[in-house]
Amino acid sequence: MGRVYIGTSGWNYPHWKDSFYAGVPRRDWLRYSASCFTGLEVNATFYGLQRRETFEHWAEQVPAGFRFAVKGNRYLTHTKRLLEPGEPIRREHERAAGLGDKLAAVLWQLPGNFSCHLRRLHDFVGALQSWPDVAHVIEFRHRSWFQDPVAACLAERDVGVCMSDAADWPLWDAVTGSTVYVRLHGHTRTYASRYSTRLLTHWAERVRVWSGQGHDVHVYFDNDAEGAAPRDALRLLALLGATPGG
């Protein structure tokens, strides 16, 4: 059986203060989240590089079996559009190494207006081999990437496809690597709407299948705007009978 990590995309949301974090001091929000979930996606790294010491501090606050996924910085994916990936990957690797064995996966999100460019993709996944001790997954938001040559390129290097469920862009449900990664952004209203019991049951069934096939599975809720993300993550954990807190 593969391991299953379920949580939210980020945890430091002030508008959760009086709902999910009611009565919990802000300095303890990460520790509290790690007691509720089995994994968390670090979203802040997409917008700015974090210090290695920050990662080390996060790692100290979570249980032994808990794992993080880190979102790669947008400089490489959105500004460089995967060109000359070696140095940006090296910087990410050096800093995120502060998480030690608490880091399980790195997510690379491509912009929605970036259409398929196979040569850049080949160069990028080749450069990812310099960071071999974690899983790498790519979130494609332009439908032109949803094709067999892309899947073959990823499978050759054991790079996964991020299944990205949202109202505003398409979802590609290809499985190309040993790790399956799902981001649930809000099915009817991106970043906002909560997931119905029917949809959560559907995802729970798929998680069971993937895990039973030996895949490690990550599912992170990004429907944070109205506070649905932590509630939905807890509901999915309950459907799977998963034990939070590592």
Protein backbone atom coordinates (compact mmCIF):
# COMPACT_ATOMS: atom_id res chain seq x y z
CA MET A 1 0.00 0.00 0.00
CA GLY A 2 1.20 3.47 -0.83
CA ARG A 3 1.20 6.24 1.76
CA VAL A 4 -1.57 8.85 1.76
CA TYR A 5 -1.06 12.50 2.66
CA ILE A 6 -4.12 14.74 2.97
CA GLY A 7 -4.30 18.36 4.06
CA THR A 8 -4.58 21.92 2.80
CA SER A 9 -2.59 24.12 0.47
CA GLY A 10 -1.06 26.45 3.04
CA TRP A 11 -2.11 26.90 6.64
CA ASN A 12 -1.41 30.53 7.57
CA TYR A 13 -4.77 32.06 6.61
CA PRO A 14 -5.98 34.85 8.94
CA HIS A 15 -9.61 34.33 7.91
CA TRP A 16 -9.51 30.83 9.45
CA LYS A 17 -8.75 32.37 12.85
CA ASP A 18 -12.27 32.16 14.25
CA SER A 19 -13.30 28.92 12.56
CA PHE A 20 -10.66 26.22 12.06
CA TYR A 21 -8.19 27.84 14.47
CA ALA A 22 -10.70 28.99 17.08
CA GLY A 23 -8.82 29.33 20.38
CA VAL A 24 -5.44 28.35 18.89
CA PRO A 25 -2.65 30.98 19.11
CA ARG A 26 -1.24 31.90 15.72
CA ARG A 27 2.24 30.66 16.66
CA ASP A 28 0.71 27.17 17.02
CA TRP A 29 -1.23 27.05 13.76
CA LEU A 30 1.23 24.76 11.98
CA ARG A 31 1.48 22.43 14.95
CA TYR A 32 -2.31 22.30 15.19
CA SER A 33 -2.72 21.65 11.44
CA ALA A 34 -0.19 18.84 11.64
CA SER A 35 -2.24 17.26 14.41
CA CYS A 36 -5.33 17.29 12.17
CA PHE A 37 -3.89 16.24 8.80
CA THR A 38 -1.32 13.82 7.42
CA GLY A 39 0.37 16.33 5.11
CA LEU A 40 0.44 19.98 4.06
CA GLU A 41 1.35 21.77 0.87
CA VAL A 42 3.63 24.79 1.32
CA ASN A 43 2.10 27.43 -0.95
CA ALA A 44 4.18 30.43 0.18
CA THR A 45 7.28 29.11 -1.62
CA PHE A 46 5.60 29.82 -4.96
CA TYR A 47 5.63 33.55 -4.24
CA GLY A 48 9.00 33.91 -2.51
CA LEU A 49 12.03 31.80 -1.60
CA GLN A 50 12.05 30.78 2.05
CA ARG A 51 15.18 30.59 4.20
CA ARG A 52 16.53 27.14 5.03
CA GLU A 53 16.10 28.00 8.72
CA THR A 54 12.38 28.56 8.13
CA PHE A 55 12.03 25.07 6.70
CA GLU A 56 13.98 23.65 9.64
CA HIS A 57 11.63 25.41 12.07
CA TRP A 58 8.59 23.95 10.28
CA ALA A 59 10.05 20.44 10.35
CA GLU A 60 10.51 20.65 14.12
CA GLN A 61 6.80 21.32 14.66
CA VAL A 62 5.28 18.26 12.98
CA PRO A 63 5.08 14.56 13.94
CA ALA A 64 7.51 11.96 12.62
CA GLY A 65 5.16 10.48 10.00
CA PHE A 66 3.87 13.84 8.75
CA ARG A 67 5.07 15.09 5.35
CA PHE A 68 5.22 18.37 3.44
CA ALA A 69 4.90 19.08 -0.26
CA VAL A 70 6.60 22.28 -1.43
CA LYS A 71 5.42 24.38 -4.35
CA GLY A 72 8.27 25.44 -6.62
CA ASN A 73 8.93 29.16 -7.00
CA ARG A 74 7.19 30.90 -9.91
CA TYR A 75 10.47 32.40 -11.16
CA LEU A 76 11.27 29.16 -12.97
CA THR A 77 7.76 28.21 -14.03
CA HIS A 78 6.19 31.58 -14.83
CA THR A 79 9.06 34.01 -15.51
CA LYS A 80 11.59 31.67 -17.12
CA ARG A 81 8.93 29.26 -18.42
CA LEU A 82 11.24 26.32 -17.70
CA LEU A 83 14.25 27.82 -19.52
CA GLU A 84 17.68 27.21 -17.93
CA PRO A 85 16.22 25.24 -15.03
CA GLY A 86 19.44 24.04 -13.39
CA GLU A 87 20.27 26.98 -11.12
CA PRO A 88 16.70 27.70 -9.91
CA ILE A 89 16.25 24.01 -9.05
CA ARG A 90 19.55 24.02 -7.14
CA ARG A 91 18.44 27.03 -5.06
CA GLU A 92 15.09 25.43 -4.25
CA HIS A 93 16.82 22.18 -3.31
CA GLU A 94 19.34 23.81 -0.96
CA ARG A 95 16.69 25.72 0.95
CA ALA A 96 13.98 23.05 1.11
CA ALA A 97 16.59 20.55 2.37
CA GLY A 98 15.88 22.15 5.75
CA LEU A 99 12.75 19.98 5.92
CA GLY A 100 14.91 16.84 5.88
CA ASP A 101 12.87 13.65 5.54
CA LYS A 102 9.66 15.62 6.21
CA LEU A 103 9.72 16.72 2.53
CA ALA A 104 7.94 14.20 0.30
CA ALA A 105 7.13 16.05 -2.93
CA VAL A 106 7.74 19.20 -4.95
CA LEU A 107 4.95 20.66 -7.08
CA TRP A 108 5.76 22.71 -10.18
CA GLN A 109 2.74 24.70 -11.41
CA LEU A 110 2.81 25.98 -14.99
CA PRO A 111 0.86 29.12 -15.98
CA GLY A 112 -2.45 28.79 -17.77
CA ASN A 113 -1.18 30.65 -20.85
CA PHE A 114 1.89 28.42 -21.27
CA SER A 115 1.12 25.93 -24.05
CA CYS A 116 2.96 22.70 -24.73
CA HIS A 117 6.71 23.01 -25.36
CA LEU A 118 8.18 19.50 -25.40
CA ARG A 119 11.82 20.52 -25.66
CA ARG A 120 11.61 22.72 -22.57
CA LEU A 121 9.77 19.96 -20.73
CA HIS A 122 12.46 17.40 -21.59
CA ASP A 123 15.18 19.77 -20.38
CA PHE A 124 13.26 20.53 -17.19
CA VAL A 125 12.52 16.95 -16.16
CA GLY A 126 16.12 16.08 -16.96
CA ALA A 127 17.31 18.84 -14.62
CA LEU A 128 15.01 17.54 -11.88
CA GLN A 129 17.18 14.44 -11.66
CA SER A 130 19.65 16.55 -9.65
CA TRP A 131 17.04 16.45 -6.85
CA PRO A 132 16.38 12.71 -6.63
CA ASP A 133 15.29 12.22 -3.02
CA VAL A 134 11.74 13.60 -3.42
CA ALA A 135 8.84 13.11 -5.82
CA HIS A 136 8.30 15.78 -8.49
CA VAL A 137 4.92 16.58 -10.02
CA ILE A 138 3.79 19.15 -12.59
CA GLU A 139 0.47 20.99 -12.65
CA PHE A 140 -0.45 21.75 -16.27
CA ARG A 141 -3.16 24.35 -16.72
CA HIS A 142 -3.19 24.51 -20.54
CA ARG A 143 -4.94 21.64 -22.29
CA SER A 144 -2.29 21.40 -25.03
CA TRP A 145 -0.05 19.50 -22.59
CA PHE A 146 -2.59 16.68 -22.24
CA GLN A 147 -1.02 14.32 -24.78
CA ASP A 148 0.87 11.04 -24.98
CA PRO A 149 4.36 12.45 -25.72
CA VAL A 150 4.15 14.57 -22.55
CA ALA A 151 3.00 11.59 -20.49
CA ALA A 152 5.82 9.48 -21.91
CA CYS A 153 8.40 12.16 -21.10
CA LEU A 154 7.19 12.32 -17.50
CA ALA A 155 6.93 8.56 -17.07
CA GLU A 156 10.50 8.07 -18.27
CA ARG A 157 11.74 10.18 -15.33
CA ASP A 158 9.07 9.16 -12.79
CA VAL A 159 7.58 12.67 -12.72
CA GLY A 160 3.88 12.83 -11.85
CA VAL A 161 0.94 14.80 -13.21
CA CYS A 162 -0.89 16.99 -10.72
CA MET A 163 -4.63 16.40 -11.11
CA SER A 164 -5.98 19.91 -10.71
CA ASP A 165 -9.72 20.19 -10.10
CA ALA A 166 -11.13 23.70 -10.56
CA ALA A 167 -13.93 25.60 -12.27
CA ASP A 168 -11.53 27.69 -14.39
CA TRP A 169 -9.12 25.24 -16.06
CA PRO A 170 -9.14 21.64 -17.28
CA LEU A 171 -8.10 18.54 -15.34
CA TRP A 172 -5.70 15.91 -16.68
CA ASP A 173 -6.01 12.65 -14.75
CA ALA A 174 -2.99 10.85 -16.20
CA VAL A 175 -0.88 8.76 -13.81
CA THR A 176 2.74 8.96 -14.94
CA GLY A 177 4.80 8.41 -11.80
CA SER A 178 5.01 6.53 -8.54
CA THR A 179 3.40 9.51 -6.79
CA VAL A 180 -0.18 10.64 -7.50
CA TYR A 181 -0.87 14.26 -6.60
CA VAL A 182 -4.28 15.97 -6.46
CA ARG A 183 -5.12 19.63 -5.85
CA LEU A 184 -8.78 20.39 -5.16
CA HIS A 185 -9.24 24.10 -5.81
CA GLY A 186 -13.07 24.18 -5.64
CA HIS A 187 -15.17 22.29 -8.20
CA THR A 188 -17.84 24.91 -8.91
CA ARG A 189 -16.14 28.11 -7.69
CA THR A 190 -12.36 28.09 -7.86
CA TYR A 191 -10.68 28.76 -4.48
CA ALA A 192 -14.05 29.02 -2.74
CA SER A 193 -16.70 26.30 -3.07
CA ARG A 194 -16.79 23.35 -0.70
CA TYR A 195 -16.87 19.77 -2.00
CA SER A 196 -20.07 17.76 -1.80
CA THR A 197 -20.15 14.40 -0.07
CA ARG A 198 -20.62 12.79 -3.49
CA LEU A 199 -17.44 14.36 -4.87
CA LEU A 200 -15.41 13.62 -1.76
CA THR A 201 -16.56 10.00 -1.90
CA HIS A 202 -15.46 9.86 -5.54
CA TRP A 203 -11.99 11.13 -4.63
CA ALA A 204 -11.78 8.80 -1.65
CA GLU A 205 -12.47 5.83 -3.91
CA ARG A 206 -9.74 6.92 -6.31
CA VAL A 207 -7.27 7.43 -3.47
CA ARG A 208 -7.93 3.87 -2.28
CA VAL A 209 -7.29 2.48 -5.76
CA TRP A 210 -4.05 4.43 -6.27
CA SER A 211 -2.76 3.58 -2.81
CA GLY A 212 -3.68 -0.05 -3.32
CA GLN A 213 -1.61 -0.03 -6.52
CA GLY A 214 1.40 1.11 -4.50
CA HIS A 215 1.33 4.82 -5.35
CA ASP A 216 2.01 7.41 -2.69
CA VAL A 217 -0.95 9.81 -2.87
CA HIS A 218 -1.10 13.49 -1.96
CA VAL A 219 -4.42 15.39 -1.83
CA TYR A 220 -4.42 19.07 -0.91
CA PHE A 221 -7.43 21.38 -0.70
CA ASP A 222 -6.93 24.89 -2.09
CA ASN A 223 -10.53 26.12 -1.66
CA ASP A 224 -9.43 28.38 1.16
CA ALA A 225 -11.29 31.64 0.45
CA GLU A 226 -14.38 30.79 2.52
CA GLY A 227 -12.68 28.37 4.89
CA ALA A 228 -13.84 25.16 3.19
CA ALA A 229 -10.35 23.70 2.72
CA PRO A 230 -9.68 22.40 6.26
CA ARG A 231 -13.25 21.15 6.69
CA ASP A 232 -13.11 19.26 3.39
CA ALA A 233 -9.69 17.80 4.20
CA LEU A 234 -11.03 16.49 7.52
CA ARG A 235 -14.07 15.00 5.77
CA LEU A 236 -11.87 13.20 3.22
CA LEU A 237 -9.65 11.85 5.99
CA ALA A 238 -12.75 10.52 7.75
CA LEU A 239 -14.01 8.84 4.57
CA LEU A 240 -10.66 7.09 4.21
CA GLY A 241 -10.38 6.21 7.88
CA ALA A 242 -6.93 7.85 7.88
CA THR A 243 -5.21 8.75 11.13
CA PRO A 244 -4.02 12.39 11.32
CA GLY A 245 -0.97 13.68 13.04
CA GLY A 246 1.55 11.26 11.51
